[in-house]
Amino acid sequence: MNESPENPRLQRSMELMNVGVTGLLVVDMQEKLLKLIAGHERVTWNCRRLIDGAKLLGVPVAGTEQYPQGLGPTTPALAERIGPLPAKKLFSSRECAEIFYQWRDQGIYKVLVCGIEAHVCVQQTVLDLLSEGFRVYLAVDAISSRSTLDAEIAIRRLDASGVTITTTEATLFEWCETAANPQFKAISALVKEAGPG
């Protein structure tokens, strides 16, 4: 339906992630640790789909690496899509503050977070972003830990702290917003991809 004085359109909810005000942060998806993570193939697949969807729709993407001298580089399938990845020693990505200052300067105040480990680097990053005034979303099917209990408790804690819990598919459609979007078919193809095992 078209908007007209007789048929006004409802406003889009501020709870939703709009393109133009949202960034995607991929936390520490490094090969050496990744192979020890519960469900690592699914986490990697979902992170990759989020990155691809973000690129299609113009959502800025950034990533971090935790002490790469010890934990090695980000898995190539993601690294080639993200670009330069700043290194950190703090568990929180707040050490890579230039990412968030740049986003804030661009009017980005919502951040979707994915990566590992849920109860360490992801959790500390998310809590620090909340304290900086960002609205934070967590793609729970694109995070994990070595222990599934650690991941579960991290999600519960972050949920209780005011993070918006979501999934990869929900995010892709939220960013796309409408079947009239020129990238809708490409986003649908990402959604329909067969996942790992």
N, C-alpha and C. Protein backbone atom coordinates (compact mmCIF):
# COMPACT_ATOMS: atom_id res chain seq x y z
N MET A 1 0.84 -1.19 0.00
CA MET A 1 0.00 0.00 0.00
C MET A 1 0.88 1.24 0.00
N ASN A 2 0.46 2.22 -0.73
CA ASN A 2 1.18 3.48 -0.78
C ASN A 2 0.71 4.40 0.32
N GLU A 3 1.64 5.21 0.81
CA GLU A 3 1.31 6.18 1.85
C GLU A 3 0.55 7.35 1.22
N SER A 4 -0.51 7.73 1.86
CA SER A 4 -1.28 8.89 1.43
C SER A 4 -1.94 9.49 2.66
N PRO A 5 -2.50 10.71 2.56
CA PRO A 5 -3.18 11.28 3.74
C PRO A 5 -4.31 10.40 4.24
N GLU A 6 -4.96 9.68 3.31
CA GLU A 6 -6.07 8.80 3.72
C GLU A 6 -5.56 7.46 4.25
N ASN A 7 -4.33 7.11 3.87
CA ASN A 7 -3.78 5.80 4.22
C ASN A 7 -2.34 5.96 4.70
N PRO A 8 -2.14 6.56 5.87
CA PRO A 8 -0.77 6.78 6.35
C PRO A 8 -0.09 5.46 6.72
N ARG A 9 1.22 5.40 6.49
CA ARG A 9 2.01 4.21 6.82
C ARG A 9 2.48 4.30 8.26
N LEU A 10 2.45 3.18 8.97
CA LEU A 10 2.99 3.15 10.33
C LEU A 10 4.50 3.34 10.28
N GLN A 11 5.07 3.90 11.32
CA GLN A 11 6.51 4.10 11.40
C GLN A 11 7.22 2.78 11.70
N ARG A 12 8.39 2.58 11.14
CA ARG A 12 9.19 1.39 11.44
C ARG A 12 9.68 1.48 12.87
N SER A 13 9.64 0.38 13.58
CA SER A 13 10.02 0.34 14.98
C SER A 13 11.49 0.68 15.18
N MET A 14 11.76 1.42 16.23
CA MET A 14 13.15 1.72 16.61
C MET A 14 13.87 0.48 17.14
N GLU A 15 13.11 -0.57 17.44
CA GLU A 15 13.70 -1.83 17.91
C GLU A 15 14.42 -2.57 16.78
N LEU A 16 14.06 -2.26 15.55
CA LEU A 16 14.62 -2.97 14.40
C LEU A 16 15.97 -2.38 13.98
N MET A 17 16.79 -3.21 13.34
CA MET A 17 18.09 -2.76 12.84
C MET A 17 17.93 -2.20 11.44
N ASN A 18 18.05 -0.92 11.30
CA ASN A 18 17.93 -0.28 10.00
C ASN A 18 19.31 -0.15 9.35
N VAL A 19 19.36 -0.37 8.03
CA VAL A 19 20.57 -0.09 7.27
C VAL A 19 20.83 1.41 7.37
N GLY A 20 22.07 1.77 7.58
CA GLY A 20 22.43 3.18 7.71
C GLY A 20 22.74 3.58 9.13
N VAL A 21 22.20 2.81 10.09
CA VAL A 21 22.50 3.10 11.50
C VAL A 21 23.05 1.87 12.23
N THR A 22 23.31 0.80 11.48
CA THR A 22 23.74 -0.47 12.09
C THR A 22 25.07 -0.91 11.49
N GLY A 23 25.96 -1.44 12.35
CA GLY A 23 27.21 -2.05 11.91
C GLY A 23 27.28 -3.49 12.38
N LEU A 24 28.06 -4.30 11.69
CA LEU A 24 28.28 -5.71 12.05
C LEU A 24 29.70 -5.86 12.58
N LEU A 25 29.82 -6.42 13.79
CA LEU A 25 31.14 -6.67 14.39
C LEU A 25 31.35 -8.17 14.51
N VAL A 26 32.45 -8.65 13.90
CA VAL A 26 32.83 -10.07 13.93
C VAL A 26 34.02 -10.20 14.88
N VAL A 27 33.80 -10.89 16.00
CA VAL A 27 34.79 -10.94 17.08
C VAL A 27 35.62 -12.22 17.03
N ASP A 28 36.90 -12.08 16.73
CA ASP A 28 37.93 -13.10 17.00
C ASP A 28 37.64 -14.49 16.41
N MET A 29 37.23 -14.53 15.15
CA MET A 29 36.95 -15.82 14.51
C MET A 29 38.24 -16.42 13.95
N GLN A 30 39.15 -16.75 14.87
CA GLN A 30 40.49 -17.21 14.51
C GLN A 30 40.60 -18.73 14.49
N GLU A 31 41.25 -19.23 13.46
CA GLU A 31 41.26 -20.67 13.18
C GLU A 31 41.73 -21.53 14.34
N LYS A 32 42.80 -21.11 15.00
CA LYS A 32 43.41 -21.95 16.03
C LYS A 32 42.42 -22.26 17.16
N LEU A 33 41.65 -21.23 17.57
CA LEU A 33 40.64 -21.42 18.61
C LEU A 33 39.34 -21.95 18.04
N LEU A 34 39.02 -21.55 16.83
CA LEU A 34 37.74 -21.88 16.22
C LEU A 34 37.49 -23.38 16.17
N LYS A 35 38.53 -24.16 15.87
CA LYS A 35 38.32 -25.61 15.75
C LYS A 35 37.97 -26.28 17.09
N LEU A 36 38.16 -25.56 18.20
CA LEU A 36 37.81 -26.10 19.52
C LEU A 36 36.41 -25.68 19.97
N ILE A 37 35.74 -24.85 19.18
CA ILE A 37 34.47 -24.25 19.56
C ILE A 37 33.31 -25.17 19.23
N ALA A 38 32.37 -25.31 20.15
CA ALA A 38 31.18 -26.12 19.92
C ALA A 38 30.40 -25.56 18.73
N GLY A 39 30.13 -26.43 17.74
CA GLY A 39 29.37 -26.02 16.57
C GLY A 39 30.08 -25.02 15.69
N HIS A 40 31.43 -25.09 15.64
CA HIS A 40 32.21 -24.06 14.94
C HIS A 40 31.86 -23.94 13.46
N GLU A 41 31.48 -25.04 12.80
CA GLU A 41 31.15 -24.95 11.38
C GLU A 41 29.89 -24.11 11.18
N ARG A 42 28.90 -24.30 12.01
CA ARG A 42 27.66 -23.53 11.91
C ARG A 42 27.91 -22.06 12.27
N VAL A 43 28.70 -21.81 13.29
CA VAL A 43 29.02 -20.43 13.67
C VAL A 43 29.73 -19.71 12.52
N THR A 44 30.71 -20.38 11.91
CA THR A 44 31.44 -19.79 10.78
C THR A 44 30.50 -19.52 9.61
N TRP A 45 29.65 -20.47 9.30
CA TRP A 45 28.68 -20.33 8.21
C TRP A 45 27.76 -19.15 8.46
N ASN A 46 27.25 -19.02 9.67
CA ASN A 46 26.34 -17.91 9.96
C ASN A 46 27.07 -16.57 9.96
N CYS A 47 28.29 -16.53 10.48
CA CYS A 47 29.06 -15.29 10.40
C CYS A 47 29.29 -14.89 8.95
N ARG A 48 29.62 -15.87 8.10
CA ARG A 48 29.85 -15.59 6.68
C ARG A 48 28.58 -15.07 6.01
N ARG A 49 27.42 -15.66 6.34
CA ARG A 49 26.16 -15.18 5.75
C ARG A 49 25.84 -13.76 6.23
N LEU A 50 26.13 -13.47 7.48
CA LEU A 50 25.90 -12.10 7.98
C LEU A 50 26.81 -11.10 7.25
N ILE A 51 28.07 -11.47 7.06
CA ILE A 51 29.00 -10.59 6.35
C ILE A 51 28.52 -10.37 4.91
N ASP A 52 28.15 -11.46 4.23
CA ASP A 52 27.70 -11.35 2.84
C ASP A 52 26.43 -10.50 2.75
N GLY A 53 25.49 -10.72 3.67
CA GLY A 53 24.27 -9.92 3.68
C GLY A 53 24.55 -8.45 3.95
N ALA A 54 25.45 -8.20 4.88
CA ALA A 54 25.83 -6.82 5.20
C ALA A 54 26.43 -6.14 3.98
N LYS A 55 27.31 -6.84 3.27
CA LYS A 55 27.95 -6.25 2.08
C LYS A 55 26.91 -5.96 1.00
N LEU A 56 25.96 -6.86 0.81
CA LEU A 56 24.92 -6.65 -0.20
C LEU A 56 24.08 -5.41 0.11
N LEU A 57 23.82 -5.18 1.39
CA LEU A 57 22.88 -4.14 1.79
C LEU A 57 23.54 -2.85 2.26
N GLY A 58 24.87 -2.81 2.28
CA GLY A 58 25.56 -1.59 2.67
C GLY A 58 25.71 -1.39 4.16
N VAL A 59 25.67 -2.48 4.93
CA VAL A 59 25.92 -2.41 6.37
C VAL A 59 27.43 -2.53 6.58
N PRO A 60 28.07 -1.57 7.26
CA PRO A 60 29.52 -1.67 7.46
C PRO A 60 29.90 -2.87 8.33
N VAL A 61 31.02 -3.49 7.99
CA VAL A 61 31.51 -4.69 8.68
C VAL A 61 32.89 -4.41 9.22
N ALA A 62 33.13 -4.81 10.47
CA ALA A 62 34.46 -4.75 11.07
C ALA A 62 34.69 -6.03 11.85
N GLY A 63 35.95 -6.33 12.08
CA GLY A 63 36.29 -7.51 12.87
C GLY A 63 37.51 -7.25 13.73
N THR A 64 37.75 -8.15 14.66
CA THR A 64 38.90 -8.05 15.55
C THR A 64 39.60 -9.40 15.63
N GLU A 65 40.85 -9.37 16.09
CA GLU A 65 41.60 -10.60 16.34
C GLU A 65 42.24 -10.52 17.72
N GLN A 66 42.04 -11.57 18.50
CA GLN A 66 42.61 -11.66 19.84
C GLN A 66 44.02 -12.24 19.76
N TYR A 67 45.01 -11.43 20.11
CA TYR A 67 46.41 -11.86 20.18
C TYR A 67 46.75 -12.82 19.03
N PRO A 68 46.74 -12.34 17.78
CA PRO A 68 46.95 -13.24 16.64
C PRO A 68 48.31 -13.94 16.64
N GLN A 69 49.32 -13.38 17.34
CA GLN A 69 50.62 -14.07 17.42
C GLN A 69 50.46 -15.44 18.07
N GLY A 70 49.51 -15.56 19.00
CA GLY A 70 49.29 -16.83 19.67
C GLY A 70 48.14 -17.62 19.09
N LEU A 71 47.03 -16.92 18.71
CA LEU A 71 45.83 -17.61 18.26
C LEU A 71 45.71 -17.67 16.74
N GLY A 72 46.67 -17.10 16.04
CA GLY A 72 46.65 -17.16 14.59
C GLY A 72 45.64 -16.21 13.98
N PRO A 73 45.55 -16.23 12.65
CA PRO A 73 44.68 -15.30 11.94
C PRO A 73 43.22 -15.76 11.92
N THR A 74 42.37 -14.84 11.51
CA THR A 74 40.96 -15.14 11.28
C THR A 74 40.84 -16.17 10.16
N THR A 75 39.86 -17.06 10.28
CA THR A 75 39.66 -18.08 9.25
C THR A 75 39.50 -17.40 7.88
N PRO A 76 40.21 -17.90 6.85
CA PRO A 76 40.28 -17.19 5.57
C PRO A 76 38.94 -16.85 4.94
N ALA A 77 37.95 -17.73 5.04
CA ALA A 77 36.65 -17.48 4.43
C ALA A 77 36.01 -16.19 4.95
N LEU A 78 36.34 -15.82 6.18
CA LEU A 78 35.80 -14.58 6.74
C LEU A 78 36.78 -13.43 6.55
N ALA A 79 38.06 -13.68 6.75
CA ALA A 79 39.07 -12.62 6.67
C ALA A 79 39.05 -11.93 5.31
N GLU A 80 38.90 -12.70 4.24
CA GLU A 80 38.91 -12.10 2.90
C GLU A 80 37.70 -11.21 2.67
N ARG A 81 36.63 -11.43 3.44
CA ARG A 81 35.42 -10.63 3.29
C ARG A 81 35.45 -9.37 4.17
N ILE A 82 36.19 -9.44 5.27
CA ILE A 82 36.16 -8.34 6.25
C ILE A 82 37.19 -7.27 5.91
N GLY A 83 38.37 -7.69 5.50
CA GLY A 83 39.44 -6.71 5.27
C GLY A 83 40.34 -6.63 6.49
N PRO A 84 41.04 -5.49 6.67
CA PRO A 84 41.98 -5.38 7.79
C PRO A 84 41.31 -5.65 9.14
N LEU A 85 42.01 -6.43 9.96
CA LEU A 85 41.48 -6.83 11.27
C LEU A 85 42.44 -6.36 12.35
N PRO A 86 42.05 -5.36 13.14
CA PRO A 86 42.95 -4.90 14.20
C PRO A 86 43.14 -5.96 15.28
N ALA A 87 44.36 -6.03 15.80
CA ALA A 87 44.69 -6.98 16.87
C ALA A 87 44.41 -6.34 18.22
N LYS A 88 44.14 -7.19 19.21
CA LYS A 88 43.91 -6.72 20.57
C LYS A 88 44.47 -7.73 21.56
N LYS A 89 44.77 -7.25 22.75
CA LYS A 89 45.14 -8.13 23.86
C LYS A 89 44.06 -8.15 24.92
N LEU A 90 43.34 -7.02 25.07
CA LEU A 90 42.17 -7.04 25.94
C LEU A 90 41.19 -8.05 25.37
N PHE A 91 40.42 -8.69 26.23
CA PHE A 91 39.38 -9.58 25.73
C PHE A 91 38.30 -8.77 25.01
N SER A 92 37.95 -7.62 25.56
CA SER A 92 36.96 -6.76 24.94
C SER A 92 37.52 -6.07 23.70
N SER A 93 36.64 -5.91 22.71
CA SER A 93 37.03 -5.18 21.50
C SER A 93 37.08 -3.67 21.73
N ARG A 94 36.85 -3.23 22.96
CA ARG A 94 36.97 -1.78 23.23
C ARG A 94 38.40 -1.29 22.96
N GLU A 95 39.36 -2.21 22.97
CA GLU A 95 40.74 -1.85 22.63
C GLU A 95 40.84 -1.35 21.18
N CYS A 96 39.89 -1.77 20.35
CA CYS A 96 39.85 -1.35 18.94
C CYS A 96 38.86 -0.21 18.78
N ALA A 97 39.00 0.78 19.63
CA ALA A 97 38.01 1.86 19.74
C ALA A 97 37.82 2.62 18.44
N GLU A 98 38.85 2.63 17.57
CA GLU A 98 38.72 3.40 16.31
C GLU A 98 37.55 2.92 15.48
N ILE A 99 37.22 1.63 15.55
CA ILE A 99 36.06 1.09 14.83
C ILE A 99 34.80 1.82 15.27
N PHE A 100 34.65 1.92 16.58
CA PHE A 100 33.40 2.44 17.13
C PHE A 100 33.32 3.95 17.05
N TYR A 101 34.46 4.64 17.14
CA TYR A 101 34.47 6.09 16.93
C TYR A 101 34.08 6.41 15.49
N GLN A 102 34.62 5.63 14.56
CA GLN A 102 34.31 5.86 13.15
C GLN A 102 32.83 5.61 12.88
N TRP A 103 32.31 4.52 13.42
CA TRP A 103 30.89 4.23 13.24
C TRP A 103 30.02 5.32 13.84
N ARG A 104 30.35 5.76 15.04
CA ARG A 104 29.56 6.81 15.68
C ARG A 104 29.58 8.08 14.83
N ASP A 105 30.74 8.41 14.25
CA ASP A 105 30.85 9.58 13.37
C ASP A 105 29.97 9.43 12.14
N GLN A 106 29.70 8.19 11.72
CA GLN A 106 28.86 7.91 10.55
C GLN A 106 27.38 7.81 10.92
N GLY A 107 27.05 8.01 12.19
CA GLY A 107 25.66 7.91 12.63
C GLY A 107 25.21 6.51 12.97
N ILE A 108 26.18 5.60 13.10
CA ILE A 108 25.86 4.21 13.45
C ILE A 108 25.83 4.08 14.97
N TYR A 109 24.69 3.69 15.50
CA TYR A 109 24.56 3.55 16.94
C TYR A 109 24.01 2.19 17.35
N LYS A 110 23.79 1.32 16.37
CA LYS A 110 23.37 -0.06 16.63
C LYS A 110 24.47 -0.99 16.12
N VAL A 111 24.80 -2.01 16.91
CA VAL A 111 25.86 -2.96 16.52
C VAL A 111 25.35 -4.38 16.70
N LEU A 112 25.42 -5.15 15.62
CA LEU A 112 25.14 -6.59 15.70
C LEU A 112 26.47 -7.29 15.90
N VAL A 113 26.55 -8.15 16.92
CA VAL A 113 27.80 -8.83 17.26
C VAL A 113 27.68 -10.33 16.99
N CYS A 114 28.74 -10.89 16.42
CA CYS A 114 28.86 -12.34 16.26
C CYS A 114 30.32 -12.71 16.51
N GLY A 115 30.59 -14.00 16.70
CA GLY A 115 31.98 -14.43 16.89
C GLY A 115 32.17 -15.30 18.11
N ILE A 116 33.42 -15.36 18.59
CA ILE A 116 33.78 -16.24 19.70
C ILE A 116 34.73 -15.52 20.67
N GLU A 117 34.93 -16.01 21.88
CA GLU A 117 34.05 -16.93 22.55
C GLU A 117 32.94 -16.15 23.23
N ALA A 118 31.76 -16.75 23.26
CA ALA A 118 30.56 -16.07 23.75
C ALA A 118 30.74 -15.51 25.16
N HIS A 119 31.38 -16.28 26.04
CA HIS A 119 31.44 -15.90 27.45
C HIS A 119 32.67 -15.06 27.80
N VAL A 120 33.55 -14.84 26.82
CA VAL A 120 34.76 -14.05 27.10
C VAL A 120 34.75 -12.80 26.21
N CYS A 121 35.31 -12.90 25.03
CA CYS A 121 35.49 -11.71 24.19
C CYS A 121 34.17 -11.12 23.72
N VAL A 122 33.23 -11.97 23.33
CA VAL A 122 31.92 -11.46 22.89
C VAL A 122 31.21 -10.78 24.05
N GLN A 123 31.13 -11.46 25.18
CA GLN A 123 30.41 -10.90 26.33
C GLN A 123 31.02 -9.58 26.81
N GLN A 124 32.34 -9.54 26.94
CA GLN A 124 32.97 -8.31 27.42
C GLN A 124 32.84 -7.18 26.42
N THR A 125 32.94 -7.50 25.13
CA THR A 125 32.74 -6.49 24.09
C THR A 125 31.34 -5.91 24.15
N VAL A 126 30.35 -6.78 24.22
CA VAL A 126 28.95 -6.35 24.23
C VAL A 126 28.66 -5.47 25.43
N LEU A 127 29.13 -5.86 26.60
CA LEU A 127 28.85 -5.07 27.81
C LEU A 127 29.54 -3.70 27.71
N ASP A 128 30.74 -3.66 27.15
CA ASP A 128 31.43 -2.38 26.97
C ASP A 128 30.71 -1.50 25.95
N LEU A 129 30.20 -2.09 24.87
CA LEU A 129 29.45 -1.32 23.88
C LEU A 129 28.18 -0.75 24.49
N LEU A 130 27.50 -1.53 25.30
CA LEU A 130 26.31 -1.03 25.99
C LEU A 130 26.65 0.17 26.86
N SER A 131 27.77 0.09 27.57
CA SER A 131 28.16 1.18 28.48
C SER A 131 28.55 2.43 27.72
N GLU A 132 28.90 2.28 26.42
CA GLU A 132 29.23 3.42 25.57
C GLU A 132 28.00 4.01 24.89
N GLY A 133 26.84 3.42 25.17
CA GLY A 133 25.60 3.96 24.61
C GLY A 133 25.15 3.35 23.30
N PHE A 134 25.85 2.33 22.82
CA PHE A 134 25.40 1.65 21.61
C PHE A 134 24.21 0.75 21.94
N ARG A 135 23.34 0.57 20.98
CA ARG A 135 22.27 -0.42 21.07
C ARG A 135 22.85 -1.70 20.48
N VAL A 136 22.88 -2.77 21.25
CA VAL A 136 23.60 -3.98 20.83
C VAL A 136 22.64 -5.14 20.58
N TYR A 137 22.89 -5.84 19.49
CA TYR A 137 22.14 -7.02 19.09
C TYR A 137 23.12 -8.19 19.03
N LEU A 138 22.63 -9.39 19.35
CA LEU A 138 23.49 -10.57 19.40
C LEU A 138 22.87 -11.68 18.55
N ALA A 139 23.59 -12.10 17.51
CA ALA A 139 23.14 -13.21 16.67
C ALA A 139 23.55 -14.51 17.36
N VAL A 140 22.61 -15.11 18.08
CA VAL A 140 22.97 -16.23 18.96
C VAL A 140 23.35 -17.50 18.20
N ASP A 141 22.98 -17.60 16.93
CA ASP A 141 23.41 -18.76 16.15
C ASP A 141 24.74 -18.50 15.44
N ALA A 142 25.32 -17.34 15.70
CA ALA A 142 26.62 -16.99 15.11
C ALA A 142 27.65 -16.69 16.20
N ILE A 143 27.41 -17.21 17.40
CA ILE A 143 28.37 -17.15 18.50
C ILE A 143 28.44 -18.53 19.15
N SER A 144 29.53 -18.78 19.86
CA SER A 144 29.64 -20.01 20.64
C SER A 144 30.88 -19.92 21.51
N SER A 145 31.08 -20.97 22.30
CA SER A 145 32.25 -21.13 23.17
C SER A 145 32.71 -22.57 23.08
N ARG A 146 33.84 -22.86 23.71
CA ARG A 146 34.26 -24.26 23.77
C ARG A 146 33.23 -25.08 24.53
N SER A 147 32.68 -24.51 25.58
CA SER A 147 31.65 -25.19 26.38
C SER A 147 30.28 -24.61 26.04
N THR A 148 29.32 -25.47 25.75
CA THR A 148 27.97 -24.99 25.45
C THR A 148 27.33 -24.33 26.67
N LEU A 149 27.70 -24.77 27.88
CA LEU A 149 27.17 -24.13 29.09
C LEU A 149 27.66 -22.69 29.20
N ASP A 150 28.94 -22.46 28.93
CA ASP A 150 29.47 -21.10 28.96
C ASP A 150 28.73 -20.21 27.98
N ALA A 151 28.48 -20.73 26.77
CA ALA A 151 27.76 -19.94 25.76
C ALA A 151 26.34 -19.64 26.22
N GLU A 152 25.68 -20.64 26.76
CA GLU A 152 24.29 -20.47 27.22
C GLU A 152 24.19 -19.43 28.32
N ILE A 153 25.09 -19.50 29.30
CA ILE A 153 25.06 -18.54 30.41
C ILE A 153 25.40 -17.14 29.92
N ALA A 154 26.33 -17.02 28.97
CA ALA A 154 26.66 -15.71 28.40
C ALA A 154 25.45 -15.09 27.73
N ILE A 155 24.71 -15.88 26.95
CA ILE A 155 23.51 -15.36 26.28
C ILE A 155 22.48 -14.91 27.30
N ARG A 156 22.29 -15.71 28.35
CA ARG A 156 21.33 -15.33 29.40
C ARG A 156 21.75 -14.05 30.09
N ARG A 157 23.04 -13.92 30.38
CA ARG A 157 23.52 -12.71 31.06
C ARG A 157 23.36 -11.48 30.17
N LEU A 158 23.71 -11.62 28.90
CA LEU A 158 23.61 -10.48 27.99
C LEU A 158 22.16 -10.09 27.74
N ASP A 159 21.30 -11.08 27.65
CA ASP A 159 19.86 -10.81 27.52
C ASP A 159 19.37 -10.00 28.72
N ALA A 160 19.78 -10.41 29.91
CA ALA A 160 19.37 -9.70 31.14
C ALA A 160 19.98 -8.30 31.22
N SER A 161 21.06 -8.06 30.48
CA SER A 161 21.75 -6.77 30.51
C SER A 161 21.19 -5.77 29.50
N GLY A 162 20.23 -6.21 28.68
CA GLY A 162 19.59 -5.30 27.75
C GLY A 162 19.96 -5.47 26.30
N VAL A 163 20.70 -6.53 25.99
CA VAL A 163 21.03 -6.82 24.59
C VAL A 163 19.79 -7.41 23.91
N THR A 164 19.63 -7.11 22.62
CA THR A 164 18.54 -7.71 21.86
C THR A 164 19.04 -9.00 21.23
N ILE A 165 18.39 -10.10 21.58
CA ILE A 165 18.76 -11.42 21.08
C ILE A 165 18.07 -11.66 19.75
N THR A 166 18.83 -12.13 18.76
CA THR A 166 18.27 -12.39 17.44
C THR A 166 19.00 -13.56 16.80
N THR A 167 18.70 -13.81 15.53
CA THR A 167 19.35 -14.88 14.77
C THR A 167 19.84 -14.34 13.43
N THR A 168 20.61 -15.15 12.73
CA THR A 168 21.13 -14.75 11.43
C THR A 168 20.01 -14.48 10.44
N GLU A 169 19.09 -15.41 10.31
CA GLU A 169 18.01 -15.23 9.33
C GLU A 169 17.16 -14.02 9.66
N ALA A 170 16.79 -13.86 10.92
CA ALA A 170 15.99 -12.69 11.32
C ALA A 170 16.72 -11.40 10.96
N THR A 171 18.03 -11.38 11.20
CA THR A 171 18.83 -10.19 10.89
C THR A 171 18.82 -9.87 9.40
N LEU A 172 19.04 -10.89 8.57
CA LEU A 172 19.11 -10.67 7.12
C LEU A 172 17.81 -10.06 6.60
N PHE A 173 16.68 -10.58 7.04
CA PHE A 173 15.39 -10.04 6.60
C PHE A 173 15.13 -8.66 7.21
N GLU A 174 15.61 -8.44 8.43
CA GLU A 174 15.44 -7.14 9.09
C GLU A 174 16.21 -6.06 8.33
N TRP A 175 17.46 -6.36 7.95
CA TRP A 175 18.25 -5.42 7.17
C TRP A 175 17.60 -5.17 5.80
N CYS A 176 17.07 -6.22 5.18
CA CYS A 176 16.48 -6.12 3.85
C CYS A 176 15.17 -5.31 3.88
N GLU A 177 14.38 -5.53 4.88
CA GLU A 177 13.13 -4.81 5.20
C GLU A 177 11.96 -5.11 4.27
N THR A 178 12.18 -5.26 2.97
CA THR A 178 11.08 -5.40 2.04
C THR A 178 11.45 -6.30 0.86
N ALA A 179 10.44 -7.03 0.34
CA ALA A 179 10.66 -7.83 -0.86
C ALA A 179 10.90 -6.95 -2.08
N ALA A 180 10.63 -5.65 -1.96
CA ALA A 180 10.88 -4.71 -3.04
C ALA A 180 12.35 -4.25 -3.08
N ASN A 181 13.13 -4.63 -2.06
CA ASN A 181 14.55 -4.27 -2.04
C ASN A 181 15.25 -4.93 -3.23
N PRO A 182 16.07 -4.18 -3.97
CA PRO A 182 16.76 -4.77 -5.12
C PRO A 182 17.65 -5.98 -4.75
N GLN A 183 18.05 -6.07 -3.49
CA GLN A 183 18.91 -7.18 -3.05
C GLN A 183 18.11 -8.34 -2.43
N PHE A 184 16.78 -8.26 -2.50
CA PHE A 184 15.95 -9.28 -1.84
C PHE A 184 16.26 -10.70 -2.32
N LYS A 185 16.41 -10.88 -3.64
CA LYS A 185 16.68 -12.24 -4.16
C LYS A 185 18.01 -12.76 -3.65
N ALA A 186 19.01 -11.89 -3.59
CA ALA A 186 20.32 -12.32 -3.09
C ALA A 186 20.25 -12.65 -1.60
N ILE A 187 19.49 -11.86 -0.84
CA ILE A 187 19.31 -12.15 0.59
C ILE A 187 18.55 -13.45 0.76
N SER A 188 17.51 -13.68 -0.04
CA SER A 188 16.76 -14.93 0.03
C SER A 188 17.66 -16.12 -0.25
N ALA A 189 18.57 -15.96 -1.20
CA ALA A 189 19.50 -17.05 -1.52
C ALA A 189 20.40 -17.37 -0.34
N LEU A 190 20.85 -16.33 0.38
CA LEU A 190 21.65 -16.57 1.59
C LEU A 190 20.85 -17.33 2.63
N VAL A 191 19.59 -16.93 2.81
CA VAL A 191 18.72 -17.59 3.79
C VAL A 191 18.49 -19.05 3.44
N LYS A 192 18.36 -19.34 2.15
CA LYS A 192 18.01 -20.70 1.72
C LYS A 192 19.22 -21.62 1.63
N GLU A 193 20.42 -21.09 1.80
CA GLU A 193 21.61 -21.94 1.75
C GLU A 193 21.51 -23.12 2.71
N ALA A 194 21.93 -24.28 2.28
CA ALA A 194 21.98 -25.44 3.17
C ALA A 194 23.16 -25.28 4.13
N GLY A 195 22.88 -25.41 5.41
CA GLY A 195 23.92 -25.26 6.43
C GLY A 195 24.79 -26.50 6.56
N PRO A 196 25.86 -26.37 7.30
CA PRO A 196 26.73 -27.54 7.50
C PRO A 196 26.05 -28.63 8.31
N GLY A 197 26.33 -29.86 7.93
CA GLY A 197 25.86 -31.07 8.59
C GLY A 197 24.75 -30.90 9.50
